[in-house]
Amino acid sequence: MIATGALPAAAGPIAWNAILRAAPADQFFTDAPLAVFPVSWQDTGSGVFALAAATLTLGLGPLHNEPARRTVAYSLLAGAAALAVDVYLY
């Protein structure tokens, strides 16, 4: 299940960044002026795409018989991890 959550957590941001690179969207790459959490719209989009991809992958995959609350909780973890990686490491 970890691999099923990690794959969309990586694929979501890759897809979002491909969209931003295809469209001239340079203003999305401007970081917020917060030293502790310098998030940008690009980082936020990466988290949202990872959340959506993880929800679909986990909901249709290993968690299809589990309650939606559990699927969403695991998907939020994948989205938050993708956001944090994008903010601090990318």
N, C-alpha and C. Protein backbone atom coordinates (compact mmCIF):
# COMPACT_ATOMS: atom_id res chain seq x y z
N MET A 1 0.82 -1.18 0.00
CA MET A 1 0.00 0.00 0.00
C MET A 1 0.86 1.25 0.00
N ILE A 2 2.04 1.18 0.59
CA ILE A 2 2.92 2.35 0.61
C ILE A 2 3.32 2.73 -0.82
N ALA A 3 3.64 1.74 -1.62
CA ALA A 3 4.00 2.02 -3.01
C ALA A 3 2.82 2.59 -3.79
N THR A 4 1.62 2.12 -3.47
CA THR A 4 0.43 2.62 -4.15
C THR A 4 0.16 4.07 -3.77
N GLY A 5 0.57 4.50 -2.61
CA GLY A 5 0.44 5.91 -2.22
C GLY A 5 1.62 6.75 -2.68
N ALA A 6 2.80 6.15 -2.75
CA ALA A 6 4.00 6.91 -3.14
C ALA A 6 4.02 7.19 -4.63
N LEU A 7 3.53 6.28 -5.43
CA LEU A 7 3.55 6.47 -6.88
C LEU A 7 2.74 7.71 -7.29
N PRO A 8 1.49 7.86 -6.87
CA PRO A 8 0.77 9.09 -7.25
C PRO A 8 1.32 10.34 -6.56
N ALA A 9 1.96 10.19 -5.40
CA ALA A 9 2.57 11.34 -4.75
C ALA A 9 3.73 11.88 -5.58
N ALA A 10 4.33 11.05 -6.40
CA ALA A 10 5.38 11.50 -7.31
C ALA A 10 4.82 11.86 -8.68
N ALA A 11 3.85 11.10 -9.15
CA ALA A 11 3.30 11.33 -10.49
C ALA A 11 2.45 12.59 -10.57
N GLY A 12 1.73 12.92 -9.51
CA GLY A 12 0.91 14.12 -9.51
C GLY A 12 1.71 15.39 -9.73
N PRO A 13 2.76 15.63 -8.95
CA PRO A 13 3.58 16.82 -9.18
C PRO A 13 4.28 16.82 -10.54
N ILE A 14 4.66 15.65 -11.03
CA ILE A 14 5.30 15.60 -12.35
C ILE A 14 4.30 16.05 -13.42
N ALA A 15 3.05 15.58 -13.32
CA ALA A 15 2.02 15.99 -14.28
C ALA A 15 1.74 17.49 -14.18
N TRP A 16 1.62 18.02 -12.97
CA TRP A 16 1.36 19.44 -12.77
C TRP A 16 2.50 20.29 -13.32
N ASN A 17 3.74 19.89 -13.06
CA ASN A 17 4.87 20.65 -13.58
C ASN A 17 4.95 20.57 -15.09
N ALA A 18 4.55 19.46 -15.68
CA ALA A 18 4.52 19.36 -17.14
C ALA A 18 3.50 20.33 -17.72
N ILE A 19 2.36 20.47 -17.06
CA ILE A 19 1.35 21.43 -17.51
C ILE A 19 1.88 22.85 -17.41
N LEU A 20 2.53 23.18 -16.30
CA LEU A 20 3.06 24.53 -16.13
C LEU A 20 4.18 24.83 -17.12
N ARG A 21 4.97 23.84 -17.46
CA ARG A 21 6.06 24.05 -18.42
C ARG A 21 5.50 24.21 -19.84
N ALA A 22 4.41 23.49 -20.16
CA ALA A 22 3.81 23.59 -21.49
C ALA A 22 3.15 24.94 -21.70
N ALA A 23 2.54 25.48 -20.66
CA ALA A 23 1.95 26.81 -20.71
C ALA A 23 2.95 27.80 -20.10
N PRO A 24 3.10 28.96 -20.68
CA PRO A 24 4.04 29.92 -20.09
C PRO A 24 3.47 30.48 -18.78
N ALA A 25 3.71 29.77 -17.69
CA ALA A 25 3.13 30.13 -16.40
C ALA A 25 4.21 30.46 -15.38
N ASP A 26 5.05 31.42 -15.71
CA ASP A 26 6.17 31.77 -14.82
C ASP A 26 5.73 32.35 -13.49
N GLN A 27 4.57 33.01 -13.44
CA GLN A 27 4.11 33.61 -12.19
C GLN A 27 3.74 32.57 -11.14
N PHE A 28 3.54 31.33 -11.52
CA PHE A 28 3.23 30.27 -10.56
C PHE A 28 4.43 29.88 -9.71
N PHE A 29 5.62 30.24 -10.14
CA PHE A 29 6.83 29.82 -9.46
C PHE A 29 7.35 30.84 -8.45
N THR A 30 6.55 31.84 -8.10
CA THR A 30 6.95 32.85 -7.14
C THR A 30 6.59 32.38 -5.74
N ASP A 31 7.59 32.28 -4.88
CA ASP A 31 7.38 31.80 -3.51
C ASP A 31 6.79 32.90 -2.63
N ALA A 32 6.03 32.48 -1.63
CA ALA A 32 5.49 33.42 -0.65
C ALA A 32 6.63 33.95 0.21
N PRO A 33 6.52 35.17 0.70
CA PRO A 33 7.61 35.75 1.49
C PRO A 33 7.62 35.28 2.94
N LEU A 34 7.49 34.01 3.16
CA LEU A 34 7.53 33.43 4.50
C LEU A 34 8.77 32.55 4.60
N ALA A 35 9.63 32.86 5.53
CA ALA A 35 10.88 32.11 5.65
C ALA A 35 10.64 30.67 6.09
N VAL A 36 9.65 30.44 6.92
CA VAL A 36 9.39 29.11 7.47
C VAL A 36 8.71 28.20 6.45
N PHE A 37 7.79 28.75 5.67
CA PHE A 37 7.02 27.95 4.72
C PHE A 37 6.87 28.73 3.41
N PRO A 38 7.91 28.75 2.56
CA PRO A 38 7.88 29.54 1.32
C PRO A 38 7.12 28.84 0.19
N VAL A 39 5.84 28.67 0.36
CA VAL A 39 5.02 27.94 -0.61
C VAL A 39 4.68 28.84 -1.80
N SER A 40 4.54 28.25 -2.97
CA SER A 40 4.12 28.98 -4.16
C SER A 40 2.87 28.30 -4.73
N TRP A 41 2.27 28.93 -5.75
CA TRP A 41 1.11 28.31 -6.39
C TRP A 41 1.51 27.01 -7.08
N GLN A 42 2.72 26.95 -7.56
CA GLN A 42 3.22 25.73 -8.18
C GLN A 42 3.29 24.60 -7.16
N ASP A 43 3.77 24.90 -5.95
CA ASP A 43 3.83 23.90 -4.88
C ASP A 43 2.44 23.43 -4.49
N THR A 44 1.52 24.39 -4.39
CA THR A 44 0.14 24.05 -4.02
C THR A 44 -0.49 23.14 -5.07
N GLY A 45 -0.28 23.46 -6.34
CA GLY A 45 -0.81 22.61 -7.42
C GLY A 45 -0.23 21.21 -7.37
N SER A 46 1.04 21.10 -7.02
CA SER A 46 1.65 19.78 -6.89
C SER A 46 0.97 18.96 -5.80
N GLY A 47 0.67 19.60 -4.68
CA GLY A 47 -0.03 18.92 -3.59
C GLY A 47 -1.43 18.50 -3.99
N VAL A 48 -2.13 19.37 -4.71
CA VAL A 48 -3.50 19.06 -5.14
C VAL A 48 -3.50 17.91 -6.14
N PHE A 49 -2.60 17.94 -7.10
CA PHE A 49 -2.52 16.86 -8.08
C PHE A 49 -2.14 15.55 -7.40
N ALA A 50 -1.23 15.59 -6.45
CA ALA A 50 -0.86 14.38 -5.72
C ALA A 50 -2.04 13.85 -4.91
N LEU A 51 -2.79 14.74 -4.28
CA LEU A 51 -3.97 14.34 -3.52
C LEU A 51 -4.99 13.66 -4.42
N ALA A 52 -5.26 14.25 -5.57
CA ALA A 52 -6.24 13.66 -6.50
C ALA A 52 -5.76 12.31 -7.02
N ALA A 53 -4.50 12.23 -7.40
CA ALA A 53 -3.98 10.97 -7.93
C ALA A 53 -3.97 9.89 -6.85
N ALA A 54 -3.60 10.26 -5.63
CA ALA A 54 -3.58 9.27 -4.54
C ALA A 54 -4.98 8.80 -4.19
N THR A 55 -5.94 9.71 -4.20
CA THR A 55 -7.33 9.32 -3.90
C THR A 55 -7.84 8.33 -4.92
N LEU A 56 -7.59 8.59 -6.19
CA LEU A 56 -8.02 7.65 -7.23
C LEU A 56 -7.30 6.32 -7.12
N THR A 57 -5.99 6.37 -6.96
CA THR A 57 -5.20 5.15 -6.92
C THR A 57 -5.54 4.29 -5.71
N LEU A 58 -5.61 4.91 -4.55
CA LEU A 58 -5.91 4.15 -3.33
C LEU A 58 -7.38 3.73 -3.28
N GLY A 59 -8.27 4.62 -3.71
CA GLY A 59 -9.70 4.31 -3.67
C GLY A 59 -10.10 3.21 -4.63
N LEU A 60 -9.45 3.15 -5.77
CA LEU A 60 -9.76 2.10 -6.73
C LEU A 60 -8.87 0.88 -6.55
N GLY A 61 -7.84 1.02 -5.72
CA GLY A 61 -6.88 -0.07 -5.52
C GLY A 61 -7.06 -0.75 -4.18
N PRO A 62 -6.02 -0.68 -3.33
CA PRO A 62 -6.02 -1.48 -2.11
C PRO A 62 -7.04 -1.06 -1.05
N LEU A 63 -7.57 0.14 -1.14
CA LEU A 63 -8.53 0.59 -0.12
C LEU A 63 -9.97 0.63 -0.64
N HIS A 64 -10.27 -0.12 -1.69
CA HIS A 64 -11.60 -0.05 -2.27
C HIS A 64 -12.69 -0.58 -1.33
N ASN A 65 -12.36 -1.42 -0.38
CA ASN A 65 -13.36 -1.92 0.57
C ASN A 65 -13.35 -1.17 1.90
N GLU A 66 -12.46 -0.22 2.06
CA GLU A 66 -12.35 0.53 3.30
C GLU A 66 -13.28 1.74 3.28
N PRO A 67 -13.57 2.31 4.45
CA PRO A 67 -14.39 3.53 4.47
C PRO A 67 -13.68 4.68 3.76
N ALA A 68 -14.46 5.59 3.22
CA ALA A 68 -13.91 6.73 2.49
C ALA A 68 -13.02 7.58 3.39
N ARG A 69 -13.34 7.65 4.66
CA ARG A 69 -12.55 8.45 5.60
C ARG A 69 -11.10 7.96 5.64
N ARG A 70 -10.90 6.67 5.63
CA ARG A 70 -9.55 6.12 5.67
C ARG A 70 -8.82 6.40 4.36
N THR A 71 -9.51 6.26 3.24
CA THR A 71 -8.90 6.54 1.95
C THR A 71 -8.48 7.99 1.85
N VAL A 72 -9.34 8.90 2.28
CA VAL A 72 -9.03 10.32 2.25
C VAL A 72 -7.87 10.65 3.18
N ALA A 73 -7.82 10.02 4.34
CA ALA A 73 -6.73 10.28 5.28
C ALA A 73 -5.39 9.88 4.68
N TYR A 74 -5.32 8.72 4.06
CA TYR A 74 -4.07 8.29 3.43
C TYR A 74 -3.73 9.17 2.22
N SER A 75 -4.74 9.59 1.49
CA SER A 75 -4.51 10.47 0.35
C SER A 75 -4.00 11.83 0.80
N LEU A 76 -4.52 12.34 1.91
CA LEU A 76 -4.03 13.61 2.45
C LEU A 76 -2.58 13.50 2.88
N LEU A 77 -2.20 12.37 3.42
CA LEU A 77 -0.78 12.17 3.77
C LEU A 77 0.10 12.22 2.52
N ALA A 78 -0.34 11.59 1.45
CA ALA A 78 0.43 11.60 0.21
C ALA A 78 0.51 13.01 -0.37
N GLY A 79 -0.60 13.74 -0.34
CA GLY A 79 -0.60 15.11 -0.84
C GLY A 79 0.25 16.04 -0.01
N ALA A 80 0.19 15.90 1.31
CA ALA A 80 1.01 16.73 2.20
C ALA A 80 2.49 16.42 2.03
N ALA A 81 2.82 15.16 1.83
CA ALA A 81 4.22 14.80 1.61
C ALA A 81 4.73 15.39 0.30
N ALA A 82 3.92 15.33 -0.75
CA ALA A 82 4.31 15.90 -2.04
C ALA A 82 4.48 17.42 -1.93
N LEU A 83 3.59 18.07 -1.19
CA LEU A 83 3.70 19.52 -0.99
C LEU A 83 4.97 19.87 -0.24
N ALA A 84 5.26 19.14 0.84
CA ALA A 84 6.44 19.42 1.64
C ALA A 84 7.73 19.20 0.84
N VAL A 85 7.76 18.13 0.07
CA VAL A 85 8.93 17.87 -0.77
C VAL A 85 9.11 18.98 -1.79
N ASP A 86 8.00 19.40 -2.39
CA ASP A 86 8.06 20.45 -3.41
C ASP A 86 8.50 21.80 -2.81
N VAL A 87 8.04 22.11 -1.60
CA VAL A 87 8.38 23.38 -0.97
C VAL A 87 9.84 23.40 -0.56
N TYR A 88 10.30 22.35 0.08
CA TYR A 88 11.62 22.38 0.72
C TYR A 88 12.75 21.76 -0.11
N LEU A 89 12.44 20.89 -1.07
CA LEU A 89 13.50 20.21 -1.79
C LEU A 89 13.54 20.53 -3.28
N TYR A 90 12.49 21.14 -3.83
CA TYR A 90 12.45 21.35 -5.28
C TYR A 90 12.70 22.79 -5.60
